[in-house]
Amino acid sequence: MLVSKPIRFTVAIDGPAAAGKGTVAKGLADHFGFSHLDTGLLYRAIAVKALVGEDPITAANELVASDMTSQTLQSPKVARMASKVAVIPQVRAALLAFQENFASQDGGAVLDGRDIGTIICPEAQIKIFITASAEIRAKRRYDELQSKGLETSYDEVLRDVKERDERDMTRKDAPLKPAHDAHILDTSGLSIMASLQKAIDITSTAFVKAMKI
């Protein structure tokens, strides 16, 4: 399904690690012909630089698109550091304009992260909060890491998931939580395709209405 005329339509997708928000966001963008931004990659790119001694605030201010293509972005070490640099207010502020500009582009945009519906795009036409139990999310992330040849254990991944949830939900600046008008989508017992279809159903009515304006 392609957008037939220029339109600004934003879908904000939030949720904890490994809930499936990235997969759903990409599928939703493909279905409607929107652009997609995984905002977590912004913080992971900064984390990579922080791990080699760079100042995360400087890294955030100097971030370029090529920084988000590194093969190391998905490692557990980078994920842990990304959660830590994400609590730095100056880092979040430096990335705000980048995300806002992406969201307001013609043709529609889907952004997924942890504060899209609450902070980055509070006026988004559709907000979806995707979640799943910590155990299921840890199993998904463990399987993903194993498929990429990265050595870890399920117990370690589960611990990382719970620790990251705690940091993300209790941080003072832009904590992880559903927007008051977000649709809650629990993917614990859903396949990828079933989760995506629910997101498409949630989005379709608002999108058709926007196209008629």
Protein backbone atom coordinates (compact mmCIF):
# COMPACT_ATOMS: atom_id res chain seq x y z
CA MET A 1 0.00 0.00 0.00
CA LEU A 2 1.64 3.24 -1.15
CA VAL A 3 0.96 6.83 -0.20
CA SER A 4 -0.50 8.48 -3.31
CA LYS A 5 -0.01 12.07 -2.25
CA PRO A 6 2.31 13.95 0.13
CA ILE A 7 1.02 13.61 3.66
CA ARG A 8 2.41 13.98 7.13
CA PHE A 9 1.33 11.01 9.20
CA THR A 10 3.32 9.82 12.19
CA VAL A 11 3.16 6.49 13.97
CA ALA A 12 4.89 6.41 17.35
CA ILE A 13 5.82 2.96 18.64
CA ASP A 14 7.26 2.45 22.11
CA GLY A 15 8.06 -0.50 24.33
CA PRO A 16 10.77 -2.35 26.23
CA ALA A 17 13.66 -4.28 24.71
CA ALA A 18 12.80 -7.31 22.54
CA ALA A 19 9.04 -6.74 22.70
CA GLY A 20 8.93 -6.80 18.90
CA LYS A 21 8.49 -3.08 18.31
CA GLY A 22 11.28 -2.83 15.74
CA THR A 23 9.95 -5.70 13.64
CA VAL A 24 6.39 -4.38 13.84
CA ALA A 25 7.53 -0.82 13.07
CA LYS A 26 9.44 -1.89 9.97
CA GLY A 27 6.57 -4.05 8.76
CA LEU A 28 4.09 -1.24 9.36
CA ALA A 29 6.28 1.20 7.43
CA ASP A 30 6.60 -1.23 4.52
CA HIS A 31 2.84 -1.82 4.45
CA PHE A 32 1.90 1.86 4.29
CA GLY A 33 4.93 3.11 2.37
CA PHE A 34 6.23 5.18 5.29
CA SER A 35 9.83 5.87 6.27
CA HIS A 36 11.09 4.05 9.36
CA LEU A 37 13.51 5.09 12.09
CA ASP A 38 14.71 2.76 14.82
CA THR A 39 15.66 5.44 17.35
CA GLY A 40 17.41 2.87 19.50
CA LEU A 41 20.17 2.79 16.88
CA LEU A 42 20.92 6.44 17.67
CA TYR A 43 21.74 5.54 21.26
CA ARG A 44 23.57 2.37 20.31
CA ALA A 45 25.76 4.34 17.90
CA ILE A 46 26.66 6.71 20.73
CA ALA A 47 27.25 3.72 23.02
CA VAL A 48 29.80 2.29 20.59
CA LYS A 49 31.78 5.52 20.79
CA ALA A 50 31.40 5.77 24.56
CA LEU A 51 32.83 2.26 24.96
CA VAL A 52 36.07 3.39 23.32
CA GLY A 53 36.35 6.45 25.52
CA GLU A 54 34.54 9.17 23.60
CA ASP A 55 32.35 11.62 25.48
CA PRO A 56 28.72 10.57 24.83
CA ILE A 57 27.46 14.15 24.68
CA THR A 58 30.04 15.06 22.05
CA ALA A 59 29.22 11.86 20.17
CA ALA A 60 25.51 12.75 20.19
CA ASN A 61 26.17 16.22 18.80
CA GLU A 62 28.39 14.83 16.05
CA LEU A 63 26.28 11.81 15.10
CA VAL A 64 26.03 11.01 11.38
CA ALA A 65 23.95 8.40 9.56
CA SER A 66 26.95 6.15 8.86
CA ASP A 67 27.44 5.69 12.62
CA MET A 68 24.28 3.58 12.67
CA THR A 69 25.57 0.91 10.29
CA SER A 70 28.20 -0.70 12.50
CA GLN A 71 27.95 -4.48 12.94
CA THR A 72 28.68 -4.05 16.65
CA LEU A 73 25.44 -2.18 17.39
CA GLN A 74 23.55 -5.34 18.41
CA SER A 75 25.99 -6.73 20.95
CA PRO A 76 24.86 -7.08 24.60
CA LYS A 77 27.70 -4.79 25.74
CA VAL A 78 26.53 -2.03 23.42
CA ALA A 79 22.91 -2.53 24.51
CA ARG A 80 23.88 -2.08 28.16
CA MET A 81 25.88 1.06 27.41
CA ALA A 82 23.07 2.44 25.21
CA SER A 83 20.71 2.24 28.18
CA LYS A 84 23.24 4.14 30.28
CA VAL A 85 23.94 6.96 27.81
CA ALA A 86 20.19 7.30 27.19
CA VAL A 87 19.68 8.66 30.71
CA ILE A 88 21.99 11.62 30.02
CA PRO A 89 19.73 14.67 29.41
CA GLN A 90 22.24 16.37 27.09
CA VAL A 91 22.40 13.26 24.90
CA ARG A 92 18.61 13.08 24.60
CA ALA A 93 18.42 16.80 23.84
CA ALA A 94 21.03 16.51 21.09
CA LEU A 95 19.03 13.80 19.36
CA LEU A 96 15.62 15.44 19.74
CA ALA A 97 15.76 17.61 16.63
CA PHE A 98 16.99 14.69 14.48
CA GLN A 99 13.99 12.61 15.50
CA GLU A 100 11.45 15.43 15.22
CA ASN A 101 12.62 16.27 11.70
CA PHE A 102 12.34 12.64 10.66
CA ALA A 103 8.82 12.38 12.09
CA SER A 104 7.55 15.46 10.24
CA GLN A 105 8.72 14.49 6.76
CA ASP A 106 6.25 14.20 3.89
CA GLY A 107 5.09 10.71 3.04
CA GLY A 108 4.58 9.42 6.57
CA ALA A 109 6.94 8.10 9.22
CA VAL A 110 7.13 5.34 11.77
CA LEU A 111 9.48 5.82 14.72
CA ASP A 112 10.11 3.20 17.37
CA GLY A 113 11.85 3.67 20.68
CA ARG A 114 11.04 4.31 24.31
CA ASP A 115 9.79 7.90 24.46
CA ILE A 116 8.35 8.49 20.99
CA GLY A 117 4.71 8.86 21.97
CA THR A 118 5.41 10.71 25.20
CA ILE A 119 8.29 13.07 24.30
CA ILE A 120 9.40 12.97 20.66
CA CYS A 121 6.03 12.83 18.88
CA PRO A 122 3.25 13.61 21.40
CA GLU A 123 1.01 14.70 18.50
CA ALA A 124 1.46 11.48 16.49
CA GLN A 125 -1.76 10.32 14.86
CA ILE A 126 -1.20 6.79 16.14
CA LYS A 127 0.66 5.64 19.24
CA ILE A 128 1.29 1.99 20.02
CA PHE A 129 2.96 0.61 23.12
CA ILE A 130 4.28 -2.88 22.41
CA THR A 131 5.13 -5.11 25.33
CA ALA A 132 5.69 -8.76 26.36
CA SER A 133 6.82 -10.60 29.47
CA ALA A 134 10.49 -10.28 30.45
CA GLU A 135 11.00 -14.03 30.04
CA ILE A 136 9.63 -14.12 26.52
CA ARG A 137 11.58 -11.03 25.54
CA ALA A 138 14.78 -12.55 26.92
CA LYS A 139 14.20 -15.75 24.94
CA ARG A 140 13.69 -13.75 21.75
CA ARG A 141 16.84 -11.73 22.31
CA TYR A 142 18.84 -14.83 23.26
CA ASP A 143 17.77 -16.61 20.06
CA GLU A 144 18.64 -13.52 18.02
CA LEU A 145 22.12 -13.28 19.53
CA GLN A 146 22.72 -16.99 19.04
CA SER A 147 21.74 -16.74 15.38
CA LYS A 148 24.38 -14.04 14.96
CA GLY A 149 27.06 -16.17 16.60
CA LEU A 150 27.31 -14.01 19.71
CA GLU A 151 28.16 -16.00 22.85
CA THR A 152 25.89 -15.46 25.86
CA SER A 153 23.47 -17.36 28.09
CA TYR A 154 19.72 -17.09 28.54
CA ASP A 155 20.16 -16.19 32.22
CA GLU A 156 22.54 -13.37 31.32
CA VAL A 157 20.16 -12.02 28.70
CA LEU A 158 17.21 -12.19 31.11
CA ARG A 159 19.20 -10.31 33.71
CA ASP A 160 20.15 -7.65 31.16
CA VAL A 161 16.50 -7.31 30.06
CA LYS A 162 15.27 -6.81 33.62
CA GLU A 163 18.07 -4.38 34.48
CA ARG A 164 17.41 -2.35 31.35
CA ASP A 165 13.68 -2.28 32.08
CA GLU A 166 14.45 -0.91 35.53
CA ARG A 167 16.76 1.80 34.18
CA ASP A 168 14.41 2.78 31.39
CA MET A 169 11.29 2.93 33.53
CA THR A 170 12.83 4.78 36.49
CA ARG A 171 15.06 7.31 34.76
CA LYS A 172 14.17 10.90 35.54
CA ASP A 173 14.30 12.12 31.94
CA ALA A 174 11.71 10.59 29.56
CA PRO A 175 11.03 7.32 31.40
CA LEU A 176 9.64 4.35 29.49
CA LYS A 177 5.84 4.36 29.81
CA PRO A 178 2.82 4.26 27.52
CA ALA A 179 1.41 7.59 26.33
CA HIS A 180 -2.01 8.22 27.85
CA ASP A 181 -3.65 7.68 24.45
CA ALA A 182 -1.49 4.77 23.27
CA HIS A 183 -2.88 1.46 22.08
CA ILE A 184 -1.38 -1.37 24.18
CA LEU A 185 -0.23 -4.38 22.15
CA ASP A 186 1.00 -7.39 24.16
CA THR A 187 2.93 -9.70 21.83
CA SER A 188 3.68 -12.40 24.44
CA GLY A 189 1.48 -14.98 22.75
CA LEU A 190 1.54 -13.60 19.22
CA SER A 191 3.55 -14.46 16.14
CA ILE A 192 5.34 -11.74 14.21
CA MET A 193 2.66 -11.72 11.54
CA ALA A 194 -0.19 -11.61 14.08
CA SER A 195 1.48 -8.73 15.93
CA LEU A 196 2.01 -6.83 12.69
CA GLN A 197 -1.59 -7.38 11.59
CA LYS A 198 -2.89 -5.95 14.87
CA ALA A 199 -0.69 -2.88 14.38
CA ILE A 200 -1.94 -2.48 10.81
CA ASP A 201 -5.54 -2.72 12.01
CA ILE A 202 -4.89 -0.08 14.69
CA THR A 203 -3.32 2.29 12.15
CA SER A 204 -5.56 1.80 9.12
CA THR A 205 -8.65 3.73 10.20
CA ALA A 206 -6.69 6.84 11.21
CA PHE A 207 -4.59 6.69 8.05
CA VAL A 208 -7.59 6.41 5.72
CA LYS A 209 -9.18 9.36 7.50
CA ALA A 210 -5.99 11.42 7.11
CA MET A 211 -5.84 10.62 3.40
CA LYS A 212 -9.33 12.05 2.91
CA ILE A 213 -8.50 15.39 4.51
